[in-house]
PDB file of N, CA and C in Angstrom:
ATOM      1  N   MET A   1      77.701 156.043 133.149  1.00  0.00           N
ATOM      2  CA  MET A   1      76.948 155.298 132.162  1.00  0.00           C
ATOM      3  C   MET A   1      77.337 153.828 132.297  1.00  0.00           C
ATOM      4  N   THR A   2      76.347 152.956 132.283  1.00  0.00           N
ATOM      5  CA  THR A   2      76.613 151.525 132.436  1.00  0.00           C
ATOM      6  C   THR A   2      76.670 150.831 131.075  1.00  0.00           C
ATOM      7  N   GLU A   3      77.144 149.604 131.089  1.00  0.00           N
ATOM      8  CA  GLU A   3      77.188 148.794 129.869  1.00  0.00           C
ATOM      9  C   GLU A   3      75.785 148.630 129.287  1.00  0.00           C
ATOM     10  N   ASP A   4      74.806 148.369 130.139  1.00  0.00           N
ATOM     11  CA  ASP A   4      73.425 148.199 129.677  1.00  0.00           C
ATOM     12  C   ASP A   4      72.883 149.476 129.042  1.00  0.00           C
ATOM     13  N   GLU A   5      73.173 150.615 129.650  1.00  0.00           N
ATOM     14  CA  GLU A   5      72.707 151.890 129.100  1.00  0.00           C
ATOM     15  C   GLU A   5      73.335 152.158 127.729  1.00  0.00           C
ATOM     16  N   LEU A   6      74.609 151.848 127.588  1.00  0.00           N
ATOM     17  CA  LEU A   6      75.283 152.040 126.307  1.00  0.00           C
ATOM     18  C   LEU A   6      74.718 151.104 125.247  1.00  0.00           C
ATOM     19  N   CYS A   7      74.412 149.875 125.626  1.00  0.00           N
ATOM     20  CA  CYS A   7      73.787 148.931 124.694  1.00  0.00           C
ATOM     21  C   CYS A   7      72.419 149.434 124.258  1.00  0.00           C
ATOM     22  N   GLN A   8      71.675 150.035 125.167  1.00  0.00           N
ATOM     23  CA  GLN A   8      70.364 150.581 124.826  1.00  0.00           C
ATOM     24  C   GLN A   8      70.487 151.743 123.844  1.00  0.00           C
ATOM     25  N   ILE A   9      71.489 152.568 124.021  1.00  0.00           N
ATOM     26  CA  ILE A   9      71.725 153.678 123.089  1.00  0.00           C
ATOM     27  C   ILE A   9      72.039 153.126 121.706  1.00  0.00           C
ATOM     28  N   ILE A  10      72.908 152.123 121.651  1.00  0.00           N
ATOM     29  CA  ILE A  10      73.269 151.507 120.367  1.00  0.00           C
ATOM     30  C   ILE A  10      72.028 150.883 119.735  1.00  0.00           C
ATOM     31  N   ALA A  11      71.213 150.207 120.528  1.00  0.00           N
ATOM     32  CA  ALA A  11      69.988 149.582 120.012  1.00  0.00           C
ATOM     33  C   ALA A  11      69.039 150.633 119.446  1.00  0.00           C
ATOM     34  N   GLY A  12      69.049 151.829 120.008  1.00  0.00           N
ATOM     35  CA  GLY A  12      68.200 152.904 119.510  1.00  0.00           C
ATOM     36  C   GLY A  12      68.567 153.350 118.108  1.00  0.00           C
ATOM     37  N   VAL A  13      69.819 153.134 117.738  1.00  0.00           N
ATOM     38  CA  VAL A  13      70.288 153.488 116.401  1.00  0.00           C
ATOM     39  C   VAL A  13      69.961 152.367 115.409  1.00  0.00           C
ATOM     40  N   LEU A  14      69.755 151.169 115.929  1.00  0.00           N
ATOM     41  CA  LEU A  14      69.502 149.991 115.100  1.00  0.00           C
ATOM     42  C   LEU A  14      68.089 149.478 115.354  1.00  0.00           C
ATOM     43  N   PRO A  15      67.090 150.104 114.752  1.00  0.00           N
ATOM     44  CA  PRO A  15      65.699 149.735 115.027  1.00  0.00           C
ATOM     45  C   PRO A  15      65.425 148.245 114.819  1.00  0.00           C
ATOM     46  N   GLY A  16      64.700 147.678 115.775  1.00  0.00           N
ATOM     47  CA  GLY A  16      64.320 146.273 115.678  1.00  0.00           C
ATOM     48  C   GLY A  16      65.401 145.294 116.074  1.00  0.00           C
ATOM     49  N   LYS A  17      66.518 145.783 116.578  1.00  0.00           N
ATOM     50  CA  LYS A  17      67.625 144.903 116.964  1.00  0.00           C
ATOM     51  C   LYS A  17      67.787 144.920 118.481  1.00  0.00           C
ATOM     52  N   ASP A  18      67.923 143.728 119.046  1.00  0.00           N
ATOM     53  CA  ASP A  18      68.343 143.620 120.439  1.00  0.00           C
ATOM     54  C   ASP A  18      69.860 143.637 120.423  1.00  0.00           C
ATOM     55  N   VAL A  19      70.456 144.367 121.336  1.00  0.00           N
ATOM     56  CA  VAL A  19      71.905 144.523 121.346  1.00  0.00           C
ATOM     57  C   VAL A  19      72.463 144.006 122.668  1.00  0.00           C
ATOM     58  N   ALA A  20      73.466 143.152 122.571  1.00  0.00           N
ATOM     59  CA  ALA A  20      74.165 142.617 123.742  1.00  0.00           C
ATOM     60  C   ALA A  20      75.662 142.782 123.522  1.00  0.00           C
ATOM     61  N   PRO A  21      76.423 142.896 124.606  1.00  0.00           N
ATOM     62  CA  PRO A  21      77.857 143.148 124.493  1.00  0.00           C
ATOM     63  C   PRO A  21      78.628 142.140 123.649  1.00  0.00           C
ATOM     64  N   HIS A  22      78.213 140.889 123.638  1.00  0.00           N
ATOM     65  CA  HIS A  22      78.965 139.851 122.927  1.00  0.00           C
ATOM     66  C   HIS A  22      78.718 139.854 121.418  1.00  0.00           C
ATOM     67  N   MET A  23      77.789 140.667 120.950  1.00  0.00           N
ATOM     68  CA  MET A  23      77.393 140.629 119.542  1.00  0.00           C
ATOM     69  C   MET A  23      78.411 141.313 118.627  1.00  0.00           C
ATOM     70  N   SER A  24      78.584 140.711 117.451  1.00  0.00           N
ATOM     71  CA  SER A  24      79.440 141.289 116.412  1.00  0.00           C
ATOM     72  C   SER A  24      78.683 142.430 115.746  1.00  0.00           C
ATOM     73  N   LEU A  25      79.355 143.562 115.591  1.00  0.00           N
ATOM     74  CA  LEU A  25      78.717 144.702 114.954  1.00  0.00           C
ATOM     75  C   LEU A  25      78.310 144.374 113.524  1.00  0.00           C
ATOM     76  N   ARG A  26      79.197 143.747 112.781  1.00  0.00           N
ATOM     77  CA  ARG A  26      78.940 143.475 111.378  1.00  0.00           C
ATOM     78  C   ARG A  26      78.107 142.210 111.161  1.00  0.00           C
ATOM     79  N   ASN A  27      78.536 141.117 111.746  1.00  0.00           N
ATOM     80  CA  ASN A  27      77.875 139.833 111.492  1.00  0.00           C
ATOM     81  C   ASN A  27      76.522 139.695 112.173  1.00  0.00           C
ATOM     82  N   ASP A  28      76.418 140.078 113.434  1.00  0.00           N
ATOM     83  CA  ASP A  28      75.166 139.913 114.169  1.00  0.00           C
ATOM     84  C   ASP A  28      74.192 141.073 113.951  1.00  0.00           C
ATOM     85  N   LEU A  29      74.736 142.290 113.846  1.00  0.00           N
ATOM     86  CA  LEU A  29      73.875 143.468 113.788  1.00  0.00           C
ATOM     87  C   LEU A  29      73.811 144.121 112.410  1.00  0.00           C
ATOM     88  N   GLY A  30      74.676 143.695 111.499  1.00  0.00           N
ATOM     89  CA  GLY A  30      74.655 144.245 110.143  1.00  0.00           C
ATOM     90  C   GLY A  30      75.105 145.692 110.043  1.00  0.00           C
ATOM     91  N   VAL A  31      75.968 146.112 110.957  1.00  0.00           N
ATOM     92  CA  VAL A  31      76.434 147.503 110.966  1.00  0.00           C
ATOM     93  C   VAL A  31      77.514 147.687 109.896  1.00  0.00           C
ATOM     94  N   ASP A  32      77.290 148.657 109.005  1.00  0.00           N
ATOM     95  CA  ASP A  32      78.305 149.018 108.023  1.00  0.00           C
ATOM     96  C   ASP A  32      78.992 150.302 108.489  1.00  0.00           C
ATOM     97  N   SER A  33      79.855 150.878 107.665  1.00  0.00           N
ATOM     98  CA  SER A  33      80.610 152.056 108.090  1.00  0.00           C
ATOM     99  C   SER A  33      79.693 153.241 108.380  1.00  0.00           C
ATOM    100  N   ILE A  34      78.641 153.408 107.605  1.00  0.00           N
ATOM    101  CA  ILE A  34      77.706 154.504 107.856  1.00  0.00           C
ATOM    102  C   ILE A  34      76.940 154.259 109.154  1.00  0.00           C
ATOM    103  N   GLY A  35      76.537 153.018 109.384  1.00  0.00           N
ATOM    104  CA  GLY A  35      75.862 152.675 110.628  1.00  0.00           C
ATOM    105  C   GLY A  35      76.752 152.905 111.836  1.00  0.00           C
ATOM    106  N   LEU A  36      78.032 152.575 111.687  1.00  0.00           N
ATOM    107  CA  LEU A  36      78.978 152.786 112.786  1.00  0.00           C
ATOM    108  C   LEU A  36      79.100 154.270 113.109  1.00  0.00           C
ATOM    109  N   MET A  37      79.176 155.098 112.077  1.00  0.00           N
ATOM    110  CA  MET A  37      79.286 156.539 112.320  1.00  0.00           C
ATOM    111  C   MET A  37      78.016 157.067 112.978  1.00  0.00           C
ATOM    112  N   SER A  38      76.869 156.532 112.614  1.00  0.00           N
ATOM    113  CA  SER A  38      75.613 156.927 113.265  1.00  0.00           C
ATOM    114  C   SER A  38      75.646 156.579 114.742  1.00  0.00           C
ATOM    115  N   ILE A  39      76.124 155.374 115.052  1.00  0.00           N
ATOM    116  CA  ILE A  39      76.251 154.946 116.450  1.00  0.00           C
ATOM    117  C   ILE A  39      77.175 155.885 117.205  1.00  0.00           C
ATOM    118  N   VAL A  40      78.319 156.191 116.607  1.00  0.00           N
ATOM    119  CA  VAL A  40      79.310 157.056 117.260  1.00  0.00           C
ATOM    120  C   VAL A  40      78.730 158.445 117.520  1.00  0.00           C
ATOM    121  N   PHE A  41      78.035 159.028 116.534  1.00  0.00           N
ATOM    122  CA  PHE A  41      77.455 160.359 116.714  1.00  0.00           C
ATOM    123  C   PHE A  41      76.402 160.373 117.810  1.00  0.00           C
ATOM    124  N   VAL A  42      75.556 159.352 117.849  1.00  0.00           N
ATOM    125  CA  VAL A  42      74.515 159.286 118.874  1.00  0.00           C
ATOM    126  C   VAL A  42      75.147 159.090 120.256  1.00  0.00           C
ATOM    127  N   LEU A  43      76.166 158.255 120.329  1.00  0.00           N
ATOM    128  CA  LEU A  43      76.854 158.068 121.618  1.00  0.00           C
ATOM    129  C   LEU A  43      77.466 159.377 122.097  1.00  0.00           C
ATOM    130  N   GLU A  44      78.046 160.123 121.177  1.00  0.00           N
ATOM    131  CA  GLU A  44      78.634 161.421 121.557  1.00  0.00           C
ATOM    132  C   GLU A  44      77.553 162.364 122.079  1.00  0.00           C
ATOM    133  N   GLU A  45      76.426 162.427 121.377  1.00  0.00           N
ATOM    134  CA  GLU A  45      75.329 163.297 121.795  1.00  0.00           C
ATOM    135  C   GLU A  45      74.765 162.908 123.157  1.00  0.00           C
ATOM    136  N   GLN A  46      74.583 161.608 123.369  1.00  0.00           N
ATOM    137  CA  GLN A  46      73.897 161.167 124.578  1.00  0.00           C
ATOM    138  C   GLN A  46      74.802 160.955 125.781  1.00  0.00           C
ATOM    139  N   THR A  47      76.101 160.786 125.547  1.00  0.00           N
ATOM    140  CA  THR A  47      77.000 160.556 126.681  1.00  0.00           C
ATOM    141  C   THR A  47      77.944 161.729 126.940  1.00  0.00           C
ATOM    142  N   GLY A  48      78.124 162.578 125.929  1.00  0.00           N
ATOM    143  CA  GLY A  48      79.032 163.711 126.086  1.00  0.00           C
ATOM    144  C   GLY A  48      80.498 163.378 125.903  1.00  0.00           C
ATOM    145  N   ILE A  49      80.811 162.138 125.511  1.00  0.00           N
ATOM    146  CA  ILE A  49      82.219 161.800 125.306  1.00  0.00           C
ATOM    147  C   ILE A  49      82.720 162.436 124.016  1.00  0.00           C
ATOM    148  N   ASP A  50      84.015 162.708 123.985  1.00  0.00           N
ATOM    149  CA  ASP A  50      84.650 163.262 122.795  1.00  0.00           C
ATOM    150  C   ASP A  50      85.061 162.108 121.891  1.00  0.00           C
ATOM    151  N   THR A  51      84.237 161.816 120.901  1.00  0.00           N
ATOM    152  CA  THR A  51      84.514 160.668 120.039  1.00  0.00           C
ATOM    153  C   THR A  51      85.630 160.933 119.043  1.00  0.00           C
ATOM    154  N   THR A  52      85.903 162.195 118.750  1.00  0.00           N
ATOM    155  CA  THR A  52      86.925 162.497 117.742  1.00  0.00           C
ATOM    156  C   THR A  52      88.311 162.010 118.157  1.00  0.00           C
ATOM    157  N   SER A  53      88.575 161.974 119.432  1.00  0.00           N
ATOM    158  CA  SER A  53      89.884 161.506 119.884  1.00  0.00           C
ATOM    159  C   SER A  53      89.969 159.978 119.943  1.00  0.00           C
ATOM    160  N   HIS A  54      88.872 159.299 119.583  1.00  0.00           N
ATOM    161  CA  HIS A  54      88.844 157.835 119.617  1.00  0.00           C
ATOM    162  C   HIS A  54      88.394 157.233 118.289  1.00  0.00           C
ATOM    163  N   VAL A  55      88.483 157.999 117.214  1.00  0.00           N
ATOM    164  CA  VAL A  55      87.973 157.561 115.910  1.00  0.00           C
ATOM    165  C   VAL A  55      88.568 156.225 115.483  1.00  0.00           C
ATOM    166  N   MET A  56      89.858 156.074 115.559  1.00  0.00           N
ATOM    167  CA  MET A  56      90.501 154.822 115.111  1.00  0.00           C
ATOM    168  C   MET A  56      90.029 153.635 115.939  1.00  0.00           C
ATOM    169  N   GLU A  57      89.825 153.837 117.219  1.00  0.00           N
ATOM    170  CA  GLU A  57      89.327 152.755 118.072  1.00  0.00           C
ATOM    171  C   GLU A  57      87.929 152.334 117.645  1.00  0.00           C
ATOM    172  N   PHE A  58      87.068 153.306 117.341  1.00  0.00           N
ATOM    173  CA  PHE A  58      85.716 152.977 116.881  1.00  0.00           C
ATOM    174  C   PHE A  58      85.765 152.239 115.552  1.00  0.00           C
ATOM    175  N   ILE A  59      86.614 152.689 114.639  1.00  0.00           N
ATOM    176  CA  ILE A  59      86.730 152.048 113.328  1.00  0.00           C
ATOM    177  C   ILE A  59      87.191 150.598 113.466  1.00  0.00           C
ATOM    178  N   GLU A  60      88.083 150.335 114.402  1.00  0.00           N
ATOM    179  CA  GLU A  60      88.623 148.990 114.596  1.00  0.00           C
ATOM    180  C   GLU A  60      87.713 148.088 115.428  1.00  0.00           C
ATOM    181  N   ALA A  61      86.668 148.640 116.025  1.00  0.00           N
ATOM    182  CA  ALA A  61      85.762 147.860 116.880  1.00  0.00           C
ATOM    183  C   ALA A  61      85.066 146.773 116.074  1.00  0.00           C
ATOM    184  N   GLU A  62      85.033 145.582 116.652  1.00  0.00           N
ATOM    185  CA  GLU A  62      84.367 144.456 115.996  1.00  0.00           C
ATOM    186  C   GLU A  62      83.106 144.019 116.736  1.00  0.00           C
ATOM    187  N   TYR A  63      83.076 144.256 118.026  1.00  0.00           N
ATOM    188  CA  TYR A  63      81.958 143.803 118.855  1.00  0.00           C
ATOM    189  C   TYR A  63      81.362 144.968 119.629  1.00  0.00           C
ATOM    190  N   VAL A  64      80.151 144.783 120.081  1.00  0.00           N
ATOM    191  CA  VAL A  64      79.492 145.802 120.889  1.00  0.00           C
ATOM    192  C   VAL A  64      80.342 146.109 122.121  1.00  0.00           C
ATOM    193  N   HIS A  65      80.916 145.085 122.748  1.00  0.00           N
ATOM    194  CA  HIS A  65      81.715 145.338 123.955  1.00  0.00           C
ATOM    195  C   HIS A  65      82.939 146.195 123.660  1.00  0.00           C
ATOM    196  N   ASP A  66      83.428 146.199 122.419  1.00  0.00           N
ATOM    197  CA  ASP A  66      84.527 147.097 122.050  1.00  0.00           C
ATOM    198  C   ASP A  66      84.061 148.551 122.120  1.00  0.00           C
ATOM    199  N   ILE A  67      82.878 148.816 121.568  1.00  0.00           N
ATOM    200  CA  ILE A  67      82.301 150.167 121.592  1.00  0.00           C
ATOM    201  C   ILE A  67      82.044 150.600 123.030  1.00  0.00           C
ATOM    202  N   VAL A  68      81.473 149.702 123.816  1.00  0.00           N
ATOM    203  CA  VAL A  68      81.181 149.991 125.220  1.00  0.00           C
ATOM    204  C   VAL A  68      82.473 150.328 125.963  1.00  0.00           C
ATOM    205  N   GLY A  69      83.520 149.540 125.734  1.00  0.00           N
ATOM    206  CA  GLY A  69      84.799 149.777 126.402  1.00  0.00           C
ATOM    207  C   GLY A  69      85.393 151.130 126.048  1.00  0.00           C
ATOM    208  N   ILE A  70      85.297 151.510 124.792  1.00  0.00           N
ATOM    209  CA  ILE A  70      85.812 152.816 124.360  1.00  0.00           C
ATOM    210  C   ILE A  70      85.060 153.927 125.088  1.00  0.00           C
ATOM    211  N   CYS A  71      83.741 153.805 125.142  1.00  0.00           N
ATOM    212  CA  CYS A  71      82.924 154.815 125.805  1.00  0.00           C
ATOM    213  C   CYS A  71      83.218 154.900 127.297  1.00  0.00           C
ATOM    214  N   LEU A  72      83.356 153.759 127.940  1.00  0.00           N
ATOM    215  CA  LEU A  72      83.638 153.758 129.371  1.00  0.00           C
ATOM    216  C   LEU A  72      85.010 154.353 129.657  1.00  0.00           C
ATOM    217  N   LYS A  73      85.986 154.039 128.816  1.00  0.00           N
ATOM    218  CA  LYS A  73      87.326 154.583 128.975  1.00  0.00           C
ATOM    219  C   LYS A  73      87.329 156.093 128.731  1.00  0.00           C
ATOM    220  N   ALA A  74      86.622 156.529 127.694  1.00  0.00           N
ATOM    221  CA  ALA A  74      86.583 157.941 127.337  1.00  0.00           C
ATOM    222  C   ALA A  74      85.833 158.769 128.378  1.00  0.00           C
ATOM    223  N   GLY A  75      84.868 158.141 129.028  1.00  0.00           N
ATOM    224  CA  GLY A  75      84.060 158.854 130.021  1.00  0.00           C
ATOM    225  C   GLY A  75      84.669 158.916 131.400  1.00  0.00           C
ATOM    226  N   SER A  76      85.778 158.221 131.596  1.00  0.00           N
ATOM    227  CA  SER A  76      86.369 158.224 132.952  1.00  0.00           C
ATOM    228  C   SER A  76      87.390 159.314 133.134  1.00  0.00           C
TER     229      SER A  76
END
């Protein structure tokens, strides 16, 4: 899975939003805790990564590239 593909998955959870790695989840995209969990669940479904072992990392993520990095690390 590439960075672009992961950004597209995240954008699918956030209708009407363009998503780029440098964007802040909260400030640029308006993601709250429920939105973050939606992103995490969709990423798990579409990528097959085990998100439960990375929950704290997802919670601490501030930018899209943080989420992408977690997914890339978990998928390797």
